[in-house]
Amino acid sequence: MKIRTKGERQMDNNSIPFNMEFTFDKDLREKPVDFEDMKCGVHHMIEQLESVEDPDVEAKIYGEIGVYSRIIGELDDSERFLQKAINLHILKENLSSVFINQLRLAHTYQWQKEFNKANKLFNELIKKVHDHSRYELYKDFLYQHYGKCKYDEGEFEAAYSLFQVALKIRKEKGDYSLVRSTEASINRCKEILMLP
């Protein structure tokens, strides 16, 4: 999940000498293009942490490690690194970054099949989005990923509705790579629900 706050420096994947790219499988989950490379890339990022002195950079790297750990199936590590990122961002009062990493954590709970935890966190984030305009930028990601959670739970009608909300927002934003991603999710739900 590549979510950026304004001015947030995303880890430059060009500085990681491994392939960190992923695609999506038929169940809407990220799948590494090269599993072993991504696993090595995660270890590379963990090693980088030893030389980091800036807490903002450290928190950002923890968040990235949490995402990639989830994608390679290291779900306990994903949860641990994302929680570290959240705690550091809370200390620095980086509220948007707290939100982003809570969204990532909800996604990890989903993959752990901890649906009660995932749904609780997704609903807290939806409340934040509607109560504070600072999170408006992430609204489409929130609905897209909550839709994926409902999809994993087998609640395909709920997933379909959430994807429709994400699609509307993404069309308004004009980010057509994200529109295509959401349309693929909607089409998968349509196949399952046998909708035209």
N, C-alpha and C. Protein backbone atom coordinates (compact mmCIF):
# COMPACT_ATOMS: atom_id res chain seq x y z
N MET A 1 0.86 -1.17 0.00
CA MET A 1 0.00 0.00 0.00
C MET A 1 0.90 1.22 0.00
N LYS A 2 0.86 1.94 -1.06
CA LYS A 2 1.69 3.12 -1.18
C LYS A 2 0.84 4.35 -0.90
N ILE A 3 0.77 4.71 0.35
CA ILE A 3 0.02 5.91 0.72
C ILE A 3 1.04 6.92 1.22
N ARG A 4 0.98 8.12 0.69
CA ARG A 4 1.93 9.15 1.09
C ARG A 4 1.21 10.34 1.69
N THR A 5 1.81 10.90 2.73
CA THR A 5 1.31 12.18 3.21
C THR A 5 2.05 13.25 2.43
N LYS A 6 1.48 14.46 2.40
CA LYS A 6 2.16 15.56 1.72
C LYS A 6 3.51 15.76 2.37
N GLY A 7 4.54 15.75 1.56
CA GLY A 7 5.87 16.01 2.08
C GLY A 7 6.53 14.80 2.72
N GLU A 8 5.81 13.70 2.88
CA GLU A 8 6.42 12.52 3.48
C GLU A 8 7.33 11.88 2.45
N ARG A 9 8.55 11.58 2.87
CA ARG A 9 9.48 10.90 1.98
C ARG A 9 9.19 9.41 2.03
N GLN A 10 8.82 8.87 0.89
CA GLN A 10 8.58 7.43 0.81
C GLN A 10 9.94 6.76 0.66
N MET A 11 10.08 5.58 1.24
CA MET A 11 11.34 4.86 1.06
C MET A 11 11.58 4.70 -0.43
N ASP A 12 12.75 5.08 -0.87
CA ASP A 12 13.09 5.00 -2.28
C ASP A 12 13.45 3.56 -2.60
N ASN A 13 12.54 2.86 -3.29
CA ASN A 13 12.79 1.46 -3.59
C ASN A 13 13.99 1.28 -4.50
N ASN A 14 14.44 2.36 -5.16
CA ASN A 14 15.66 2.27 -5.96
C ASN A 14 16.88 2.08 -5.08
N SER A 15 16.79 2.48 -3.79
CA SER A 15 17.91 2.31 -2.87
C SER A 15 17.93 0.91 -2.27
N ILE A 16 16.91 0.12 -2.54
CA ILE A 16 16.85 -1.26 -2.06
C ILE A 16 17.27 -2.14 -3.23
N PRO A 17 18.37 -2.87 -3.08
CA PRO A 17 18.89 -3.65 -4.22
C PRO A 17 18.14 -4.96 -4.46
N PHE A 18 16.84 -4.93 -4.24
CA PHE A 18 16.00 -6.11 -4.44
C PHE A 18 14.70 -5.68 -5.10
N ASN A 19 14.03 -6.63 -5.75
CA ASN A 19 12.77 -6.34 -6.42
C ASN A 19 11.65 -6.32 -5.38
N MET A 20 11.07 -5.14 -5.13
CA MET A 20 10.01 -4.98 -4.12
C MET A 20 8.65 -4.81 -4.80
N GLU A 21 8.55 -5.11 -6.09
CA GLU A 21 7.29 -4.94 -6.81
C GLU A 21 6.34 -6.08 -6.48
N PHE A 22 5.04 -5.78 -6.62
CA PHE A 22 4.03 -6.80 -6.39
C PHE A 22 2.89 -6.62 -7.38
N THR A 23 2.12 -7.68 -7.55
CA THR A 23 0.91 -7.66 -8.36
C THR A 23 -0.23 -8.06 -7.43
N PHE A 24 -1.43 -8.20 -7.98
CA PHE A 24 -2.58 -8.64 -7.20
C PHE A 24 -3.07 -9.98 -7.75
N ASP A 25 -3.43 -10.89 -6.84
CA ASP A 25 -3.96 -12.17 -7.28
C ASP A 25 -5.48 -12.10 -7.41
N LYS A 26 -6.10 -13.21 -7.75
CA LYS A 26 -7.56 -13.22 -7.99
C LYS A 26 -8.35 -12.92 -6.72
N ASP A 27 -7.73 -13.09 -5.56
CA ASP A 27 -8.40 -12.79 -4.29
C ASP A 27 -8.07 -11.38 -3.80
N LEU A 28 -7.56 -10.54 -4.70
CA LEU A 28 -7.30 -9.12 -4.45
C LEU A 28 -6.15 -8.88 -3.47
N ARG A 29 -5.31 -9.88 -3.28
CA ARG A 29 -4.18 -9.74 -2.36
C ARG A 29 -2.89 -9.45 -3.13
N GLU A 30 -2.03 -8.65 -2.50
CA GLU A 30 -0.73 -8.40 -3.10
C GLU A 30 0.08 -9.70 -3.12
N LYS A 31 0.82 -9.85 -4.21
CA LYS A 31 1.67 -11.03 -4.38
C LYS A 31 3.01 -10.54 -4.91
N PRO A 32 4.12 -10.88 -4.24
CA PRO A 32 5.43 -10.39 -4.73
C PRO A 32 5.72 -10.88 -6.14
N VAL A 33 6.32 -10.01 -6.93
CA VAL A 33 6.79 -10.44 -8.25
C VAL A 33 7.91 -11.46 -8.05
N ASP A 34 8.77 -11.21 -7.05
CA ASP A 34 9.86 -12.13 -6.71
C ASP A 34 9.89 -12.26 -5.19
N PHE A 35 9.33 -13.37 -4.69
CA PHE A 35 9.19 -13.56 -3.24
C PHE A 35 10.53 -13.46 -2.52
N GLU A 36 11.54 -14.18 -3.01
CA GLU A 36 12.85 -14.19 -2.32
C GLU A 36 13.48 -12.81 -2.30
N ASP A 37 13.34 -12.08 -3.42
CA ASP A 37 13.90 -10.73 -3.46
C ASP A 37 13.21 -9.83 -2.44
N MET A 38 11.88 -9.92 -2.35
CA MET A 38 11.17 -9.07 -1.39
C MET A 38 11.56 -9.43 0.03
N LYS A 39 11.72 -10.71 0.30
CA LYS A 39 12.14 -11.15 1.63
C LYS A 39 13.53 -10.57 1.97
N CYS A 40 14.44 -10.63 1.00
CA CYS A 40 15.78 -10.04 1.20
C CYS A 40 15.68 -8.53 1.37
N GLY A 41 14.77 -7.90 0.63
CA GLY A 41 14.57 -6.46 0.76
C GLY A 41 14.10 -6.07 2.14
N VAL A 42 13.21 -6.87 2.73
CA VAL A 42 12.74 -6.62 4.09
C VAL A 42 13.92 -6.68 5.06
N HIS A 43 14.77 -7.71 4.92
CA HIS A 43 15.95 -7.83 5.80
C HIS A 43 16.89 -6.64 5.60
N HIS A 44 17.02 -6.21 4.35
CA HIS A 44 17.85 -5.04 4.04
C HIS A 44 17.33 -3.79 4.77
N MET A 45 16.01 -3.58 4.76
CA MET A 45 15.43 -2.42 5.45
C MET A 45 15.62 -2.52 6.96
N ILE A 46 15.48 -3.73 7.49
CA ILE A 46 15.69 -3.93 8.94
C ILE A 46 17.13 -3.56 9.30
N GLU A 47 18.09 -3.97 8.47
CA GLU A 47 19.50 -3.63 8.71
C GLU A 47 19.71 -2.12 8.63
N GLN A 48 19.00 -1.44 7.72
CA GLN A 48 19.12 0.02 7.59
C GLN A 48 18.73 0.74 8.88
N LEU A 49 17.80 0.16 9.61
CA LEU A 49 17.31 0.81 10.84
C LEU A 49 18.44 1.06 11.84
N GLU A 50 19.48 0.20 11.83
CA GLU A 50 20.58 0.33 12.79
C GLU A 50 21.31 1.66 12.65
N SER A 51 21.32 2.22 11.45
CA SER A 51 22.07 3.46 11.22
C SER A 51 21.18 4.70 11.18
N VAL A 52 19.88 4.53 11.42
CA VAL A 52 18.95 5.66 11.35
C VAL A 52 18.89 6.37 12.69
N GLU A 53 19.05 7.70 12.65
CA GLU A 53 18.99 8.49 13.89
C GLU A 53 17.76 9.38 13.94
N ASP A 54 17.17 9.67 12.79
CA ASP A 54 16.00 10.53 12.71
C ASP A 54 14.74 9.70 13.00
N PRO A 55 13.99 10.03 14.09
CA PRO A 55 12.80 9.24 14.43
C PRO A 55 11.73 9.24 13.34
N ASP A 56 11.63 10.32 12.55
CA ASP A 56 10.65 10.36 11.45
C ASP A 56 11.00 9.33 10.38
N VAL A 57 12.29 9.27 10.03
CA VAL A 57 12.74 8.29 9.03
C VAL A 57 12.59 6.88 9.58
N GLU A 58 12.93 6.70 10.86
CA GLU A 58 12.80 5.39 11.50
C GLU A 58 11.34 4.92 11.46
N ALA A 59 10.41 5.80 11.79
CA ALA A 59 9.00 5.46 11.79
C ALA A 59 8.53 5.10 10.39
N LYS A 60 9.00 5.86 9.40
CA LYS A 60 8.63 5.61 8.01
C LYS A 60 9.12 4.23 7.57
N ILE A 61 10.36 3.89 7.94
CA ILE A 61 10.91 2.58 7.56
C ILE A 61 10.15 1.45 8.26
N TYR A 62 9.83 1.65 9.54
CA TYR A 62 9.03 0.64 10.24
C TYR A 62 7.72 0.38 9.50
N GLY A 63 7.08 1.44 9.04
CA GLY A 63 5.82 1.29 8.32
C GLY A 63 5.99 0.51 7.03
N GLU A 64 7.05 0.82 6.29
CA GLU A 64 7.32 0.11 5.03
C GLU A 64 7.62 -1.36 5.29
N ILE A 65 8.43 -1.63 6.32
CA ILE A 65 8.74 -3.03 6.66
C ILE A 65 7.45 -3.76 7.01
N GLY A 66 6.56 -3.08 7.73
CA GLY A 66 5.28 -3.69 8.10
C GLY A 66 4.46 -4.09 6.89
N VAL A 67 4.45 -3.23 5.88
CA VAL A 67 3.69 -3.52 4.65
C VAL A 67 4.30 -4.72 3.92
N TYR A 68 5.61 -4.67 3.67
CA TYR A 68 6.24 -5.74 2.91
C TYR A 68 6.25 -7.05 3.69
N SER A 69 6.35 -6.99 5.02
CA SER A 69 6.28 -8.21 5.84
C SER A 69 4.92 -8.89 5.66
N ARG A 70 3.85 -8.08 5.58
CA ARG A 70 2.53 -8.65 5.33
C ARG A 70 2.48 -9.34 3.98
N ILE A 71 3.02 -8.68 2.97
CA ILE A 71 2.95 -9.22 1.61
C ILE A 71 3.68 -10.56 1.50
N ILE A 72 4.78 -10.73 2.26
CA ILE A 72 5.50 -12.02 2.20
C ILE A 72 4.97 -13.01 3.25
N GLY A 73 3.90 -12.62 3.94
CA GLY A 73 3.25 -13.56 4.84
C GLY A 73 3.80 -13.60 6.25
N GLU A 74 4.69 -12.68 6.58
CA GLU A 74 5.24 -12.59 7.94
C GLU A 74 4.32 -11.67 8.76
N LEU A 75 3.16 -12.20 9.12
CA LEU A 75 2.10 -11.36 9.65
C LEU A 75 2.37 -10.86 11.07
N ASP A 76 2.99 -11.68 11.90
CA ASP A 76 3.33 -11.22 13.25
C ASP A 76 4.36 -10.09 13.19
N ASP A 77 5.35 -10.24 12.29
CA ASP A 77 6.34 -9.18 12.10
C ASP A 77 5.67 -7.92 11.57
N SER A 78 4.75 -8.09 10.63
CA SER A 78 4.03 -6.95 10.07
C SER A 78 3.33 -6.18 11.18
N GLU A 79 2.60 -6.89 12.02
CA GLU A 79 1.88 -6.24 13.12
C GLU A 79 2.85 -5.50 14.05
N ARG A 80 3.95 -6.17 14.39
CA ARG A 80 4.93 -5.58 15.32
C ARG A 80 5.56 -4.30 14.74
N PHE A 81 5.98 -4.34 13.48
CA PHE A 81 6.62 -3.17 12.87
C PHE A 81 5.63 -2.03 12.68
N LEU A 82 4.40 -2.35 12.30
CA LEU A 82 3.40 -1.29 12.13
C LEU A 82 3.06 -0.64 13.47
N GLN A 83 3.00 -1.44 14.52
CA GLN A 83 2.73 -0.87 15.84
C GLN A 83 3.86 0.06 16.28
N LYS A 84 5.12 -0.33 15.96
CA LYS A 84 6.26 0.54 16.26
C LYS A 84 6.14 1.86 15.49
N ALA A 85 5.76 1.76 14.21
CA ALA A 85 5.58 2.97 13.40
C ALA A 85 4.52 3.87 14.01
N ILE A 86 3.39 3.27 14.38
CA ILE A 86 2.29 4.04 14.97
C ILE A 86 2.74 4.74 16.25
N ASN A 87 3.43 4.00 17.11
CA ASN A 87 3.88 4.57 18.38
C ASN A 87 4.84 5.74 18.18
N LEU A 88 5.77 5.61 17.24
CA LEU A 88 6.70 6.70 16.96
C LEU A 88 5.97 7.91 16.38
N HIS A 89 5.04 7.67 15.47
CA HIS A 89 4.29 8.79 14.88
C HIS A 89 3.40 9.47 15.93
N ILE A 90 2.86 8.71 16.88
CA ILE A 90 2.07 9.31 17.95
C ILE A 90 2.96 10.24 18.78
N LEU A 91 4.16 9.77 19.11
CA LEU A 91 5.10 10.60 19.89
C LEU A 91 5.42 11.91 19.18
N LYS A 92 5.55 11.85 17.86
CA LYS A 92 5.89 13.04 17.06
C LYS A 92 4.65 13.82 16.64
N GLU A 93 3.47 13.32 17.03
CA GLU A 93 2.19 13.94 16.67
C GLU A 93 2.01 14.08 15.16
N ASN A 94 2.50 13.07 14.42
CA ASN A 94 2.30 13.00 12.97
C ASN A 94 0.98 12.28 12.72
N LEU A 95 -0.12 13.02 12.84
CA LEU A 95 -1.45 12.40 12.84
C LEU A 95 -1.79 11.70 11.53
N SER A 96 -1.40 12.28 10.41
CA SER A 96 -1.68 11.63 9.13
C SER A 96 -0.92 10.31 9.01
N SER A 97 0.31 10.30 9.50
CA SER A 97 1.11 9.07 9.44
C SER A 97 0.58 8.02 10.41
N VAL A 98 0.04 8.45 11.54
CA VAL A 98 -0.62 7.51 12.45
C VAL A 98 -1.78 6.86 11.72
N PHE A 99 -2.59 7.66 11.05
CA PHE A 99 -3.75 7.16 10.30
C PHE A 99 -3.33 6.14 9.25
N ILE A 100 -2.31 6.49 8.46
CA ILE A 100 -1.83 5.61 7.40
C ILE A 100 -1.41 4.25 7.96
N ASN A 101 -0.67 4.28 9.05
CA ASN A 101 -0.17 3.03 9.60
C ASN A 101 -1.25 2.25 10.34
N GLN A 102 -2.27 2.94 10.85
CA GLN A 102 -3.41 2.22 11.41
C GLN A 102 -4.19 1.52 10.28
N LEU A 103 -4.29 2.16 9.13
CA LEU A 103 -4.93 1.54 7.98
C LEU A 103 -4.14 0.30 7.55
N ARG A 104 -2.84 0.42 7.53
CA ARG A 104 -1.99 -0.72 7.20
C ARG A 104 -2.16 -1.84 8.23
N LEU A 105 -2.26 -1.47 9.50
CA LEU A 105 -2.42 -2.46 10.56
C LEU A 105 -3.77 -3.18 10.43
N ALA A 106 -4.83 -2.44 10.09
CA ALA A 106 -6.12 -3.08 9.87
C ALA A 106 -6.02 -4.12 8.75
N HIS A 107 -5.25 -3.79 7.73
CA HIS A 107 -5.03 -4.71 6.60
C HIS A 107 -4.30 -5.96 7.08
N THR A 108 -3.32 -5.79 7.97
CA THR A 108 -2.60 -6.94 8.52
C THR A 108 -3.53 -7.79 9.37
N TYR A 109 -4.36 -7.16 10.20
CA TYR A 109 -5.35 -7.93 10.98
C TYR A 109 -6.23 -8.76 10.05
N GLN A 110 -6.61 -8.15 8.93
CA GLN A 110 -7.43 -8.85 7.93
C GLN A 110 -6.72 -10.12 7.47
N TRP A 111 -5.44 -10.00 7.10
CA TRP A 111 -4.69 -11.16 6.61
C TRP A 111 -4.49 -12.19 7.72
N GLN A 112 -4.48 -11.74 8.98
CA GLN A 112 -4.37 -12.68 10.11
C GLN A 112 -5.72 -13.35 10.41
N LYS A 113 -6.74 -12.94 9.67
CA LYS A 113 -8.12 -13.40 9.88
C LYS A 113 -8.65 -12.97 11.26
N GLU A 114 -8.10 -11.87 11.75
CA GLU A 114 -8.58 -11.24 13.00
C GLU A 114 -9.62 -10.20 12.59
N PHE A 115 -10.74 -10.67 12.06
CA PHE A 115 -11.72 -9.78 11.45
C PHE A 115 -12.36 -8.82 12.46
N ASN A 116 -12.55 -9.25 13.70
CA ASN A 116 -13.11 -8.34 14.71
C ASN A 116 -12.20 -7.14 14.92
N LYS A 117 -10.89 -7.42 15.05
CA LYS A 117 -9.91 -6.33 15.22
C LYS A 117 -9.87 -5.45 13.97
N ALA A 118 -9.86 -6.08 12.81
CA ALA A 118 -9.79 -5.34 11.55
C ALA A 118 -11.00 -4.43 11.39
N ASN A 119 -12.19 -5.00 11.58
CA ASN A 119 -13.42 -4.21 11.41
C ASN A 119 -13.50 -3.06 12.41
N LYS A 120 -13.09 -3.32 13.65
CA LYS A 120 -13.10 -2.27 14.67
C LYS A 120 -12.20 -1.11 14.24
N LEU A 121 -11.00 -1.44 13.79
CA LEU A 121 -10.06 -0.40 13.37
C LEU A 121 -10.54 0.30 12.11
N PHE A 122 -11.05 -0.43 11.12
CA PHE A 122 -11.58 0.21 9.92
C PHE A 122 -12.71 1.19 10.29
N ASN A 123 -13.59 0.80 11.19
CA ASN A 123 -14.69 1.68 11.58
C ASN A 123 -14.20 2.92 12.33
N GLU A 124 -13.17 2.77 13.16
CA GLU A 124 -12.57 3.93 13.82
C GLU A 124 -11.98 4.89 12.78
N LEU A 125 -11.36 4.34 11.76
CA LEU A 125 -10.75 5.16 10.70
C LEU A 125 -11.82 5.86 9.86
N ILE A 126 -12.93 5.17 9.60
CA ILE A 126 -14.03 5.81 8.86
C ILE A 126 -14.57 6.99 9.65
N LYS A 127 -14.70 6.83 10.97
CA LYS A 127 -15.15 7.94 11.81
C LYS A 127 -14.17 9.12 11.72
N LYS A 128 -12.87 8.81 11.78
CA LYS A 128 -11.85 9.87 11.67
C LYS A 128 -11.96 10.61 10.34
N VAL A 129 -12.15 9.85 9.26
CA VAL A 129 -12.25 10.46 7.91
C VAL A 129 -13.42 11.42 7.84
N HIS A 130 -14.53 11.05 8.48
CA HIS A 130 -15.72 11.89 8.41
C HIS A 130 -15.69 13.04 9.42
N ASP A 131 -14.87 12.91 10.47
CA ASP A 131 -14.78 13.96 11.49
C ASP A 131 -13.68 14.98 11.24
N HIS A 132 -12.66 14.60 10.46
CA HIS A 132 -11.49 15.48 10.28
C HIS A 132 -11.10 15.54 8.81
N SER A 133 -11.11 16.72 8.25
CA SER A 133 -10.81 16.89 6.83
C SER A 133 -9.36 16.54 6.49
N ARG A 134 -8.48 16.53 7.50
CA ARG A 134 -7.07 16.22 7.22
C ARG A 134 -6.88 14.82 6.65
N TYR A 135 -7.86 13.93 6.87
CA TYR A 135 -7.74 12.55 6.40
C TYR A 135 -8.46 12.31 5.08
N GLU A 136 -9.05 13.34 4.52
CA GLU A 136 -9.84 13.21 3.29
C GLU A 136 -9.03 12.56 2.16
N LEU A 137 -7.75 12.87 2.11
CA LEU A 137 -6.86 12.35 1.07
C LEU A 137 -6.83 10.83 1.04
N TYR A 138 -7.09 10.19 2.18
CA TYR A 138 -6.95 8.74 2.30
C TYR A 138 -8.28 8.01 2.22
N LYS A 139 -9.35 8.73 1.99
CA LYS A 139 -10.70 8.15 2.05
C LYS A 139 -10.87 7.00 1.07
N ASP A 140 -10.38 7.15 -0.16
CA ASP A 140 -10.54 6.09 -1.15
C ASP A 140 -9.76 4.84 -0.76
N PHE A 141 -8.54 5.03 -0.20
CA PHE A 141 -7.74 3.88 0.25
C PHE A 141 -8.47 3.15 1.37
N LEU A 142 -9.07 3.92 2.26
CA LEU A 142 -9.78 3.34 3.39
C LEU A 142 -10.94 2.47 2.90
N TYR A 143 -11.77 3.00 1.99
CA TYR A 143 -12.91 2.23 1.50
C TYR A 143 -12.45 1.04 0.65
N GLN A 144 -11.40 1.22 -0.13
CA GLN A 144 -10.88 0.11 -0.93
C GLN A 144 -10.41 -1.03 -0.02
N HIS A 145 -9.64 -0.70 1.00
CA HIS A 145 -9.09 -1.75 1.85
C HIS A 145 -10.12 -2.35 2.80
N TYR A 146 -11.08 -1.55 3.20
CA TYR A 146 -12.18 -2.11 4.00
C TYR A 146 -12.98 -3.08 3.12
N GLY A 147 -13.13 -2.73 1.85
CA GLY A 147 -13.79 -3.63 0.91
C GLY A 147 -13.05 -4.96 0.79
N LYS A 148 -11.72 -4.89 0.75
CA LYS A 148 -10.93 -6.12 0.67
C LYS A 148 -11.11 -6.97 1.92
N CYS A 149 -11.24 -6.31 3.06
CA CYS A 149 -11.48 -7.03 4.32
C CYS A 149 -12.82 -7.77 4.24
N LYS A 150 -13.85 -7.07 3.80
CA LYS A 150 -15.17 -7.69 3.69
C LYS A 150 -15.14 -8.82 2.66
N TYR A 151 -14.37 -8.64 1.60
CA TYR A 151 -14.20 -9.68 0.58
C TYR A 151 -13.62 -10.93 1.24
N ASP A 152 -12.54 -10.75 2.02
CA ASP A 152 -11.90 -11.89 2.70
C ASP A 152 -12.85 -12.57 3.68
N GLU A 153 -13.74 -11.80 4.27
CA GLU A 153 -14.72 -12.37 5.21
C GLU A 153 -15.83 -13.12 4.48
N GLY A 154 -15.88 -12.98 3.16
CA GLY A 154 -16.95 -13.61 2.39
C GLY A 154 -18.21 -12.77 2.33
N GLU A 155 -18.10 -11.51 2.76
CA GLU A 155 -19.24 -10.59 2.70
C GLU A 155 -19.15 -9.78 1.40
N PHE A 156 -19.46 -10.47 0.30
CA PHE A 156 -19.20 -9.91 -1.03
C PHE A 156 -20.10 -8.72 -1.37
N GLU A 157 -21.33 -8.70 -0.87
CA GLU A 157 -22.20 -7.55 -1.13
C GLU A 157 -21.67 -6.31 -0.43
N ALA A 158 -21.22 -6.48 0.82
CA ALA A 158 -20.63 -5.35 1.56
C ALA A 158 -19.35 -4.88 0.86
N ALA A 159 -18.55 -5.84 0.42
CA ALA A 159 -17.31 -5.50 -0.29
C ALA A 159 -17.63 -4.71 -1.55
N TYR A 160 -18.61 -5.19 -2.31
CA TYR A 160 -19.01 -4.54 -3.55
C TYR A 160 -19.43 -3.08 -3.28
N SER A 161 -20.21 -2.86 -2.23
CA SER A 161 -20.66 -1.50 -1.89
C SER A 161 -19.48 -0.60 -1.50
N LEU A 162 -18.56 -1.14 -0.73
CA LEU A 162 -17.38 -0.35 -0.32
C LEU A 162 -16.51 -0.01 -1.52
N PHE A 163 -16.34 -0.97 -2.42
CA PHE A 163 -15.56 -0.71 -3.64
C PHE A 163 -16.23 0.37 -4.49
N GLN A 164 -17.56 0.38 -4.53
CA GLN A 164 -18.29 1.41 -5.29
C GLN A 164 -17.98 2.80 -4.73
N VAL A 165 -17.94 2.92 -3.41
CA VAL A 165 -17.60 4.21 -2.77
C VAL A 165 -16.18 4.61 -3.15
N ALA A 166 -15.25 3.66 -3.05
CA ALA A 166 -13.84 3.94 -3.41
C ALA A 166 -13.74 4.38 -4.87
N LEU A 167 -14.49 3.70 -5.76
CA LEU A 167 -14.44 4.03 -7.19
C LEU A 167 -14.90 5.46 -7.45
N LYS A 168 -16.00 5.84 -6.82
CA LYS A 168 -16.52 7.20 -7.00
C LYS A 168 -15.48 8.25 -6.60
N ILE A 169 -14.84 8.03 -5.44
CA ILE A 169 -13.82 8.97 -4.96
C ILE A 169 -12.63 9.00 -5.91
N ARG A 170 -12.21 7.83 -6.36
CA ARG A 170 -11.03 7.75 -7.23
C ARG A 170 -11.30 8.38 -8.59
N LYS A 171 -12.51 8.25 -9.09
CA LYS A 171 -12.84 8.92 -10.36
C LYS A 171 -12.81 10.43 -10.18
N GLU A 172 -13.29 10.91 -9.03
CA GLU A 172 -13.25 12.35 -8.75
C GLU A 172 -11.80 12.83 -8.64
N LYS A 173 -10.93 12.00 -8.06
CA LYS A 173 -9.51 12.36 -7.94
C LYS A 173 -8.81 12.34 -9.30
N GLY A 174 -9.31 11.48 -10.20
CA GLY A 174 -8.71 11.38 -11.53
C GLY A 174 -7.46 10.53 -11.57
N ASP A 175 -7.27 9.64 -10.57
CA ASP A 175 -6.11 8.75 -10.56
C ASP A 175 -6.53 7.43 -11.18
N TYR A 176 -6.27 7.31 -12.49
CA TYR A 176 -6.85 6.19 -13.22
C TYR A 176 -6.17 4.85 -12.98
N SER A 177 -4.93 4.84 -12.46
CA SER A 177 -4.33 3.55 -12.08
C SER A 177 -5.09 2.99 -10.88
N LEU A 178 -5.50 3.88 -9.96
CA LEU A 178 -6.28 3.45 -8.80
C LEU A 178 -7.71 3.09 -9.21
N VAL A 179 -8.26 3.82 -10.18
CA VAL A 179 -9.60 3.51 -10.70
C VAL A 179 -9.60 2.09 -11.25
N ARG A 180 -8.57 1.75 -12.05
CA ARG A 180 -8.50 0.41 -12.64
C ARG A 180 -8.40 -0.67 -11.56
N SER A 181 -7.64 -0.40 -10.52
CA SER A 181 -7.50 -1.35 -9.42
C SER A 181 -8.85 -1.60 -8.75
N THR A 182 -9.60 -0.53 -8.51
CA THR A 182 -10.91 -0.67 -7.88
C THR A 182 -11.89 -1.35 -8.82
N GLU A 183 -11.83 -1.03 -10.10
CA GLU A 183 -12.72 -1.68 -11.08
C GLU A 183 -12.46 -3.19 -11.13
N ALA A 184 -11.19 -3.59 -10.99
CA ALA A 184 -10.86 -5.01 -10.96
C ALA A 184 -11.49 -5.68 -9.73
N SER A 185 -11.47 -4.97 -8.60
CA SER A 185 -12.09 -5.50 -7.38
C SER A 185 -13.60 -5.63 -7.55
N ILE A 186 -14.21 -4.62 -8.15
CA ILE A 186 -15.66 -4.63 -8.39
C ILE A 186 -16.02 -5.79 -9.33
N ASN A 187 -15.24 -5.97 -10.38
CA ASN A 187 -15.51 -7.05 -11.34
C ASN A 187 -15.40 -8.41 -10.69
N ARG A 188 -14.46 -8.56 -9.77
CA ARG A 188 -14.32 -9.84 -9.06
C ARG A 188 -15.57 -10.11 -8.21
N CYS A 189 -16.06 -9.08 -7.53
CA CYS A 189 -17.29 -9.23 -6.75
C CYS A 189 -18.47 -9.55 -7.64
N LYS A 190 -18.54 -8.89 -8.79
CA LYS A 190 -19.64 -9.14 -9.74
C LYS A 190 -19.64 -10.61 -10.18
N GLU A 191 -18.46 -11.16 -10.43
CA GLU A 191 -18.36 -12.58 -10.83
C GLU A 191 -18.93 -13.47 -9.73
N ILE A 192 -18.54 -13.19 -8.51
CA ILE A 192 -18.98 -14.02 -7.37
C ILE A 192 -20.47 -13.87 -7.13
N LEU A 193 -20.92 -12.62 -7.21
CA LEU A 193 -22.35 -12.34 -6.94
C LEU A 193 -23.24 -12.59 -8.15
N MET A 194 -22.58 -12.92 -9.29
CA MET A 194 -23.29 -13.15 -10.56
C MET A 194 -24.13 -11.95 -10.97
N LEU A 195 -23.49 -10.77 -10.87
CA LEU A 195 -24.14 -9.53 -11.29
C LEU A 195 -23.76 -9.24 -12.73
N PRO A 196 -24.62 -8.51 -13.45
CA PRO A 196 -24.30 -8.21 -14.86
C PRO A 196 -23.16 -7.21 -14.96
